[in-house]
Amino acid sequence: MMEIEKKYLIDKIPEKLKLPNGINIEQGYLTSPEAQETIRLRKKGNKYYKTWKSKGLLIREEKEVELNKAEYEKEWTSVLGNTIKKTRYEIPYDSHIIELDIYHGVHNDLITAEVEFKSIEQSELFEPPNWFGKDVTLSAEFKNSNLAFNGLPENL
């Protein structure tokens, strides 16, 4: 499956924005950012996943399978780098869903929003809400795999 996704920094969440219930996410990486393919383990609520992503920024191939808890815990022992911990809020916006991520732990000062698209054209026409900050889609240092290995970018 092809993933087309933009990522933005968020300086401040508007006070009037009503956040739905969030879901806690913990993820780690089985490959370094230099690898030809990113392999990620993720616990999202009480579900477990293994994901493969191709290199790229705006467009990447993605394959995901669900694991059981025992499979996840066995593979988790091979995680490299820091664990990404965040709370995700899925917010409807026009015909899209904004995935607002508030990071915890070593990435505590980071808040991002990601929006997925069905086509490149749709991504180019997207008008983000005025509370979105800088578009960091093409900035590799803000990919979660790079955050796990390199920490927060200095230009945050």
N, C-alpha and C. Protein backbone atom coordinates (compact mmCIF):
# COMPACT_ATOMS: atom_id res chain seq x y z
N MET A 1 0.84 -1.18 0.00
CA MET A 1 0.00 0.00 0.00
C MET A 1 0.88 1.24 0.00
N MET A 2 0.48 2.26 -0.73
CA MET A 2 1.21 3.50 -0.81
C MET A 2 0.69 4.48 0.24
N GLU A 3 1.59 5.11 0.97
CA GLU A 3 1.22 6.10 1.97
C GLU A 3 1.69 7.46 1.46
N ILE A 4 0.75 8.40 1.38
CA ILE A 4 1.06 9.79 1.03
C ILE A 4 0.65 10.62 2.24
N GLU A 5 1.64 11.25 2.87
CA GLU A 5 1.38 11.88 4.17
C GLU A 5 2.21 13.14 4.33
N LYS A 6 1.57 14.18 4.86
CA LYS A 6 2.28 15.41 5.21
C LYS A 6 2.37 15.51 6.73
N LYS A 7 3.45 16.14 7.19
CA LYS A 7 3.68 16.27 8.63
C LYS A 7 4.00 17.73 8.96
N TYR A 8 3.39 18.23 10.02
CA TYR A 8 3.54 19.62 10.43
C TYR A 8 3.93 19.70 11.90
N LEU A 9 4.70 20.73 12.24
CA LEU A 9 4.97 21.02 13.64
C LEU A 9 3.80 21.83 14.19
N ILE A 10 3.51 21.61 15.46
CA ILE A 10 2.45 22.37 16.13
C ILE A 10 3.09 23.11 17.30
N ASP A 11 2.98 24.44 17.28
CA ASP A 11 3.55 25.23 18.38
C ASP A 11 2.62 25.22 19.59
N LYS A 12 1.32 25.36 19.33
CA LYS A 12 0.35 25.42 20.42
C LYS A 12 -0.98 24.89 19.92
N ILE A 13 -1.59 24.05 20.72
CA ILE A 13 -2.92 23.53 20.39
C ILE A 13 -3.94 24.59 20.80
N PRO A 14 -4.81 24.99 19.88
CA PRO A 14 -5.80 26.02 20.24
C PRO A 14 -6.66 25.58 21.42
N GLU A 15 -6.91 26.52 22.33
CA GLU A 15 -7.71 26.21 23.52
C GLU A 15 -9.12 25.75 23.16
N LYS A 16 -9.67 26.30 22.08
CA LYS A 16 -11.05 25.95 21.70
C LYS A 16 -11.16 24.61 20.97
N LEU A 17 -10.01 24.02 20.61
CA LEU A 17 -10.03 22.74 19.91
C LEU A 17 -10.43 21.63 20.88
N LYS A 18 -11.52 20.96 20.58
CA LYS A 18 -11.97 19.86 21.43
C LYS A 18 -11.27 18.58 20.98
N LEU A 19 -10.42 18.05 21.82
CA LEU A 19 -9.69 16.83 21.48
C LEU A 19 -10.54 15.61 21.82
N PRO A 20 -10.62 14.67 20.89
CA PRO A 20 -11.29 13.40 21.21
C PRO A 20 -10.42 12.62 22.19
N ASN A 21 -10.90 11.48 22.63
CA ASN A 21 -10.06 10.62 23.48
C ASN A 21 -8.80 10.25 22.73
N GLY A 22 -7.68 10.33 23.42
CA GLY A 22 -6.41 9.98 22.80
C GLY A 22 -6.09 8.51 23.00
N ILE A 23 -5.15 8.04 22.21
CA ILE A 23 -4.68 6.66 22.35
C ILE A 23 -3.17 6.70 22.52
N ASN A 24 -2.67 5.96 23.50
CA ASN A 24 -1.23 5.92 23.75
C ASN A 24 -0.55 5.00 22.75
N ILE A 25 0.58 5.49 22.25
CA ILE A 25 1.37 4.74 21.28
C ILE A 25 2.79 4.63 21.79
N GLU A 26 3.33 3.43 21.67
CA GLU A 26 4.74 3.18 21.97
C GLU A 26 5.31 2.49 20.73
N GLN A 27 6.42 3.01 20.22
CA GLN A 27 6.99 2.37 19.04
C GLN A 27 8.50 2.39 19.10
N GLY A 28 9.07 1.36 18.48
CA GLY A 28 10.52 1.21 18.40
C GLY A 28 10.88 0.67 17.03
N TYR A 29 12.15 0.77 16.71
CA TYR A 29 12.62 0.43 15.36
C TYR A 29 13.60 -0.73 15.39
N LEU A 30 13.44 -1.62 14.41
CA LEU A 30 14.32 -2.77 14.27
C LEU A 30 15.43 -2.50 13.25
N THR A 31 15.35 -1.36 12.57
CA THR A 31 16.36 -0.95 11.60
C THR A 31 16.77 0.49 11.88
N SER A 32 17.98 0.83 11.49
CA SER A 32 18.45 2.21 11.65
C SER A 32 17.89 3.08 10.52
N PRO A 33 17.92 4.41 10.67
CA PRO A 33 17.40 5.29 9.62
C PRO A 33 18.12 5.14 8.27
N GLU A 34 19.34 4.62 8.27
CA GLU A 34 20.10 4.47 7.02
C GLU A 34 19.68 3.24 6.23
N ALA A 35 18.95 2.34 6.82
CA ALA A 35 18.55 1.09 6.16
C ALA A 35 17.68 1.39 4.94
N GLN A 36 17.66 0.46 4.00
CA GLN A 36 16.85 0.61 2.79
C GLN A 36 15.35 0.59 3.09
N GLU A 37 15.00 0.00 4.22
CA GLU A 37 13.60 -0.14 4.61
C GLU A 37 13.52 0.06 6.12
N THR A 38 12.51 0.78 6.56
CA THR A 38 12.29 0.99 7.99
C THR A 38 11.36 -0.10 8.50
N ILE A 39 11.77 -0.77 9.57
CA ILE A 39 10.91 -1.78 10.20
C ILE A 39 10.61 -1.30 11.61
N ARG A 40 9.32 -1.16 11.89
CA ARG A 40 8.87 -0.57 13.15
C ARG A 40 7.95 -1.53 13.89
N LEU A 41 8.06 -1.54 15.22
CA LEU A 41 7.09 -2.21 16.09
C LEU A 41 6.28 -1.13 16.78
N ARG A 42 4.98 -1.35 16.89
CA ARG A 42 4.12 -0.34 17.51
C ARG A 42 3.07 -1.00 18.37
N LYS A 43 2.93 -0.46 19.59
CA LYS A 43 1.80 -0.81 20.45
C LYS A 43 0.88 0.41 20.42
N LYS A 44 -0.33 0.20 19.95
CA LYS A 44 -1.32 1.28 19.85
C LYS A 44 -2.52 0.86 20.67
N GLY A 45 -2.64 1.46 21.87
CA GLY A 45 -3.66 1.00 22.79
C GLY A 45 -3.32 -0.42 23.22
N ASN A 46 -4.21 -1.36 22.97
CA ASN A 46 -3.92 -2.77 23.32
C ASN A 46 -3.74 -3.63 22.06
N LYS A 47 -3.33 -3.00 20.95
CA LYS A 47 -3.05 -3.74 19.71
C LYS A 47 -1.57 -3.58 19.37
N TYR A 48 -1.05 -4.56 18.66
CA TYR A 48 0.38 -4.62 18.36
C TYR A 48 0.59 -4.79 16.86
N TYR A 49 1.58 -4.07 16.31
CA TYR A 49 1.80 -4.08 14.87
C TYR A 49 3.28 -4.12 14.54
N LYS A 50 3.56 -4.69 13.37
CA LYS A 50 4.89 -4.62 12.77
C LYS A 50 4.68 -3.98 11.40
N THR A 51 5.48 -2.95 11.12
CA THR A 51 5.31 -2.19 9.88
C THR A 51 6.62 -2.09 9.13
N TRP A 52 6.53 -2.24 7.82
CA TRP A 52 7.67 -2.04 6.93
C TRP A 52 7.35 -0.81 6.07
N LYS A 53 8.31 0.13 6.00
CA LYS A 53 8.14 1.32 5.16
C LYS A 53 9.36 1.50 4.29
N SER A 54 9.11 1.87 3.03
CA SER A 54 10.21 2.15 2.11
C SER A 54 10.81 3.52 2.44
N LYS A 55 11.97 3.79 1.87
CA LYS A 55 12.57 5.11 2.02
C LYS A 55 11.65 6.12 1.36
N GLY A 56 11.73 7.36 1.80
CA GLY A 56 10.94 8.43 1.20
C GLY A 56 10.45 9.38 2.27
N LEU A 57 9.86 10.48 1.82
CA LEU A 57 9.35 11.48 2.75
C LEU A 57 7.85 11.68 2.57
N LEU A 58 7.42 12.24 1.45
CA LEU A 58 5.99 12.45 1.21
C LEU A 58 5.29 11.14 0.84
N ILE A 59 5.96 10.32 0.02
CA ILE A 59 5.35 9.08 -0.48
C ILE A 59 6.23 7.89 -0.08
N ARG A 60 5.59 6.88 0.52
CA ARG A 60 6.32 5.67 0.90
C ARG A 60 5.41 4.47 0.75
N GLU A 61 6.02 3.35 0.41
CA GLU A 61 5.28 2.09 0.43
C GLU A 61 5.22 1.63 1.88
N GLU A 62 4.08 1.08 2.27
CA GLU A 62 3.89 0.65 3.65
C GLU A 62 3.17 -0.69 3.68
N LYS A 63 3.67 -1.57 4.53
CA LYS A 63 3.01 -2.86 4.76
C LYS A 63 2.95 -3.04 6.28
N GLU A 64 1.78 -3.43 6.78
CA GLU A 64 1.62 -3.58 8.22
C GLU A 64 0.88 -4.87 8.52
N VAL A 65 1.35 -5.56 9.57
CA VAL A 65 0.67 -6.77 10.04
C VAL A 65 0.44 -6.62 11.54
N GLU A 66 -0.66 -7.21 11.98
CA GLU A 66 -0.95 -7.20 13.42
C GLU A 66 -0.25 -8.39 14.06
N LEU A 67 0.31 -8.15 15.24
CA LEU A 67 0.98 -9.19 16.02
C LEU A 67 0.18 -9.45 17.28
N ASN A 68 0.41 -10.61 17.89
CA ASN A 68 -0.15 -10.81 19.22
C ASN A 68 0.87 -10.28 20.24
N LYS A 69 0.48 -10.19 21.48
CA LYS A 69 1.33 -9.60 22.51
C LYS A 69 2.65 -10.36 22.66
N ALA A 70 2.62 -11.67 22.62
CA ALA A 70 3.84 -12.48 22.79
C ALA A 70 4.81 -12.24 21.63
N GLU A 71 4.30 -12.18 20.40
CA GLU A 71 5.16 -11.91 19.24
C GLU A 71 5.80 -10.53 19.36
N TYR A 72 4.98 -9.56 19.74
CA TYR A 72 5.46 -8.18 19.92
C TYR A 72 6.57 -8.12 20.97
N GLU A 73 6.31 -8.71 22.13
CA GLU A 73 7.29 -8.66 23.21
C GLU A 73 8.59 -9.38 22.84
N LYS A 74 8.49 -10.47 22.10
CA LYS A 74 9.69 -11.18 21.66
C LYS A 74 10.52 -10.30 20.71
N GLU A 75 9.86 -9.68 19.74
CA GLU A 75 10.56 -8.83 18.79
C GLU A 75 11.06 -7.53 19.43
N TRP A 76 10.34 -7.06 20.44
CA TRP A 76 10.70 -5.80 21.10
C TRP A 76 12.12 -5.86 21.68
N THR A 77 12.59 -7.03 22.04
CA THR A 77 13.94 -7.16 22.60
C THR A 77 15.02 -6.77 21.60
N SER A 78 14.68 -6.64 20.30
CA SER A 78 15.64 -6.27 19.27
C SER A 78 15.54 -4.80 18.86
N VAL A 79 14.72 -4.02 19.56
CA VAL A 79 14.54 -2.61 19.22
C VAL A 79 15.84 -1.84 19.43
N LEU A 80 16.14 -0.96 18.45
CA LEU A 80 17.33 -0.11 18.49
C LEU A 80 16.90 1.32 18.81
N GLY A 81 17.81 2.13 19.34
CA GLY A 81 17.50 3.54 19.57
C GLY A 81 16.52 3.74 20.71
N ASN A 82 16.01 4.97 20.80
CA ASN A 82 15.04 5.33 21.84
C ASN A 82 13.63 4.89 21.44
N THR A 83 12.81 4.66 22.42
CA THR A 83 11.41 4.37 22.19
C THR A 83 10.67 5.68 21.95
N ILE A 84 9.78 5.68 20.98
CA ILE A 84 8.90 6.82 20.76
C ILE A 84 7.64 6.58 21.59
N LYS A 85 7.29 7.56 22.41
CA LYS A 85 6.07 7.47 23.20
C LYS A 85 5.27 8.73 22.92
N LYS A 86 4.00 8.53 22.57
CA LYS A 86 3.16 9.68 22.24
C LYS A 86 1.70 9.33 22.46
N THR A 87 0.90 10.37 22.57
CA THR A 87 -0.55 10.20 22.62
C THR A 87 -1.09 10.77 21.32
N ARG A 88 -1.93 9.98 20.64
CA ARG A 88 -2.48 10.40 19.35
C ARG A 88 -3.95 10.75 19.50
N TYR A 89 -4.31 11.87 18.89
CA TYR A 89 -5.69 12.33 18.83
C TYR A 89 -6.08 12.41 17.36
N GLU A 90 -7.15 11.73 16.98
CA GLU A 90 -7.61 11.74 15.59
C GLU A 90 -8.76 12.73 15.47
N ILE A 91 -8.49 13.80 14.71
CA ILE A 91 -9.41 14.93 14.62
C ILE A 91 -9.94 15.06 13.19
N PRO A 92 -11.25 14.95 12.98
CA PRO A 92 -11.80 15.15 11.64
C PRO A 92 -11.57 16.59 11.18
N TYR A 93 -11.18 16.74 9.90
CA TYR A 93 -10.95 18.07 9.32
C TYR A 93 -11.28 17.98 7.84
N ASP A 94 -12.33 18.66 7.42
CA ASP A 94 -12.83 18.54 6.05
C ASP A 94 -12.99 17.06 5.72
N SER A 95 -12.37 16.58 4.66
CA SER A 95 -12.50 15.16 4.30
C SER A 95 -11.32 14.34 4.81
N HIS A 96 -10.55 14.92 5.72
CA HIS A 96 -9.33 14.28 6.22
C HIS A 96 -9.43 13.98 7.71
N ILE A 97 -8.46 13.24 8.19
CA ILE A 97 -8.28 13.03 9.63
C ILE A 97 -6.90 13.58 9.98
N ILE A 98 -6.86 14.49 10.93
CA ILE A 98 -5.60 14.99 11.45
C ILE A 98 -5.18 14.05 12.58
N GLU A 99 -3.97 13.51 12.49
CA GLU A 99 -3.41 12.70 13.57
C GLU A 99 -2.48 13.61 14.36
N LEU A 100 -3.00 14.12 15.47
CA LEU A 100 -2.24 15.02 16.34
C LEU A 100 -1.49 14.18 17.35
N ASP A 101 -0.17 14.27 17.33
CA ASP A 101 0.68 13.48 18.23
C ASP A 101 1.38 14.38 19.24
N ILE A 102 1.15 14.10 20.51
CA ILE A 102 1.84 14.79 21.59
C ILE A 102 2.83 13.79 22.17
N TYR A 103 4.11 14.11 22.03
CA TYR A 103 5.18 13.19 22.40
C TYR A 103 5.50 13.29 23.89
N HIS A 104 6.01 12.19 24.44
CA HIS A 104 6.38 12.10 25.85
C HIS A 104 7.82 11.61 25.97
N GLY A 105 8.32 11.58 27.18
CA GLY A 105 9.66 11.04 27.41
C GLY A 105 10.72 11.94 26.81
N VAL A 106 11.71 11.34 26.14
CA VAL A 106 12.85 12.10 25.62
C VAL A 106 12.45 13.06 24.50
N HIS A 107 11.25 12.94 23.95
CA HIS A 107 10.78 13.82 22.88
C HIS A 107 9.67 14.75 23.38
N ASN A 108 9.68 15.04 24.67
CA ASN A 108 8.60 15.71 25.37
C ASN A 108 8.16 17.05 24.79
N ASP A 109 9.03 17.80 24.17
CA ASP A 109 8.67 19.13 23.67
C ASP A 109 8.04 19.11 22.28
N LEU A 110 7.83 17.96 21.73
CA LEU A 110 7.38 17.85 20.34
C LEU A 110 5.88 17.58 20.24
N ILE A 111 5.23 18.35 19.35
CA ILE A 111 3.84 18.11 18.98
C ILE A 111 3.80 18.19 17.45
N THR A 112 3.25 17.15 16.81
CA THR A 112 3.15 17.15 15.35
C THR A 112 1.73 16.79 14.93
N ALA A 113 1.43 17.10 13.68
CA ALA A 113 0.16 16.70 13.07
C ALA A 113 0.49 16.09 11.72
N GLU A 114 -0.12 14.93 11.45
CA GLU A 114 0.06 14.26 10.17
C GLU A 114 -1.31 14.11 9.50
N VAL A 115 -1.29 14.26 8.19
CA VAL A 115 -2.51 14.11 7.40
C VAL A 115 -2.18 13.21 6.22
N GLU A 116 -2.97 12.16 6.02
CA GLU A 116 -2.78 11.25 4.89
C GLU A 116 -3.70 11.64 3.74
N PHE A 117 -3.22 11.33 2.52
CA PHE A 117 -3.94 11.69 1.31
C PHE A 117 -4.07 10.49 0.38
N LYS A 118 -5.06 10.57 -0.50
CA LYS A 118 -5.26 9.50 -1.49
C LYS A 118 -4.42 9.71 -2.73
N SER A 119 -3.93 10.94 -2.96
CA SER A 119 -3.13 11.23 -4.14
C SER A 119 -2.18 12.40 -3.87
N ILE A 120 -1.17 12.52 -4.70
CA ILE A 120 -0.24 13.65 -4.59
C ILE A 120 -1.00 14.95 -4.84
N GLU A 121 -1.90 14.94 -5.83
CA GLU A 121 -2.69 16.12 -6.16
C GLU A 121 -3.48 16.59 -4.94
N GLN A 122 -4.09 15.64 -4.24
CA GLN A 122 -4.86 15.98 -3.04
C GLN A 122 -3.95 16.61 -1.98
N SER A 123 -2.74 16.08 -1.84
CA SER A 123 -1.80 16.64 -0.86
C SER A 123 -1.38 18.06 -1.23
N GLU A 124 -1.25 18.31 -2.54
CA GLU A 124 -0.85 19.64 -3.00
C GLU A 124 -1.96 20.68 -2.80
N LEU A 125 -3.21 20.25 -2.85
CA LEU A 125 -4.35 21.15 -2.68
C LEU A 125 -4.74 21.37 -1.22
N PHE A 126 -4.14 20.60 -0.33
CA PHE A 126 -4.52 20.66 1.09
C PHE A 126 -4.21 22.02 1.69
N GLU A 127 -5.20 22.59 2.34
CA GLU A 127 -5.05 23.86 3.07
C GLU A 127 -5.10 23.53 4.56
N PRO A 128 -3.95 23.54 5.24
CA PRO A 128 -3.96 23.18 6.66
C PRO A 128 -4.66 24.24 7.50
N PRO A 129 -5.17 23.83 8.65
CA PRO A 129 -5.78 24.82 9.55
C PRO A 129 -4.73 25.84 10.00
N ASN A 130 -5.19 27.01 10.40
CA ASN A 130 -4.24 28.09 10.74
C ASN A 130 -3.40 27.81 11.98
N TRP A 131 -3.75 26.81 12.77
CA TRP A 131 -2.95 26.50 13.96
C TRP A 131 -1.80 25.55 13.66
N PHE A 132 -1.73 25.05 12.43
CA PHE A 132 -0.58 24.23 12.02
C PHE A 132 0.63 25.14 11.88
N GLY A 133 1.78 24.61 12.27
CA GLY A 133 3.02 25.34 12.11
C GLY A 133 3.74 24.91 10.84
N LYS A 134 5.04 24.87 10.92
CA LYS A 134 5.90 24.58 9.79
C LYS A 134 5.62 23.20 9.20
N ASP A 135 5.58 23.12 7.86
CA ASP A 135 5.46 21.85 7.15
C ASP A 135 6.84 21.20 7.15
N VAL A 136 6.98 20.04 7.81
CA VAL A 136 8.27 19.35 7.92
C VAL A 136 8.25 18.02 7.15
N THR A 137 7.32 17.90 6.23
CA THR A 137 7.19 16.67 5.45
C THR A 137 8.50 16.27 4.80
N LEU A 138 9.21 17.24 4.24
CA LEU A 138 10.44 16.95 3.49
C LEU A 138 11.69 17.09 4.36
N SER A 139 11.51 17.18 5.67
CA SER A 139 12.63 17.28 6.62
C SER A 139 12.81 15.93 7.30
N ALA A 140 13.79 15.17 6.84
CA ALA A 140 13.98 13.79 7.32
C ALA A 140 14.19 13.72 8.82
N GLU A 141 14.75 14.76 9.44
CA GLU A 141 15.03 14.69 10.88
C GLU A 141 13.76 14.60 11.72
N PHE A 142 12.58 14.88 11.13
CA PHE A 142 11.34 14.78 11.88
C PHE A 142 10.61 13.45 11.66
N LYS A 143 11.19 12.54 10.86
CA LYS A 143 10.63 11.20 10.75
C LYS A 143 10.81 10.51 12.10
N ASN A 144 9.83 9.74 12.54
CA ASN A 144 9.91 9.09 13.84
C ASN A 144 11.14 8.21 13.99
N SER A 145 11.54 7.54 12.91
CA SER A 145 12.74 6.69 13.01
C SER A 145 13.97 7.53 13.31
N ASN A 146 14.08 8.71 12.70
CA ASN A 146 15.21 9.59 13.01
C ASN A 146 15.12 10.16 14.42
N LEU A 147 13.91 10.48 14.87
CA LEU A 147 13.73 10.96 16.25
C LEU A 147 14.18 9.90 17.25
N ALA A 148 13.90 8.63 16.95
CA ALA A 148 14.28 7.54 17.85
C ALA A 148 15.79 7.42 17.98
N PHE A 149 16.51 7.66 16.90
CA PHE A 149 17.96 7.49 16.91
C PHE A 149 18.71 8.77 17.22
N ASN A 150 18.17 9.92 16.82
CA ASN A 150 18.91 11.18 16.91
C ASN A 150 18.32 12.20 17.88
N GLY A 151 17.16 11.90 18.46
CA GLY A 151 16.54 12.84 19.37
C GLY A 151 15.89 13.99 18.61
N LEU A 152 15.52 15.03 19.36
CA LEU A 152 14.86 16.18 18.77
C LEU A 152 15.83 16.99 17.94
N PRO A 153 15.42 17.46 16.77
CA PRO A 153 16.29 18.31 15.96
C PRO A 153 16.58 19.63 16.68
N GLU A 154 17.75 20.18 16.43
CA GLU A 154 18.11 21.45 17.06
C GLU A 154 17.25 22.59 16.57
N ASN A 155 16.73 22.48 15.34
CA ASN A 155 15.94 23.58 14.78
C ASN A 155 14.47 23.50 15.15
N LEU A 156 14.15 22.83 16.25
CA LEU A 156 12.76 22.67 16.69
C LEU A 156 12.22 23.98 17.19
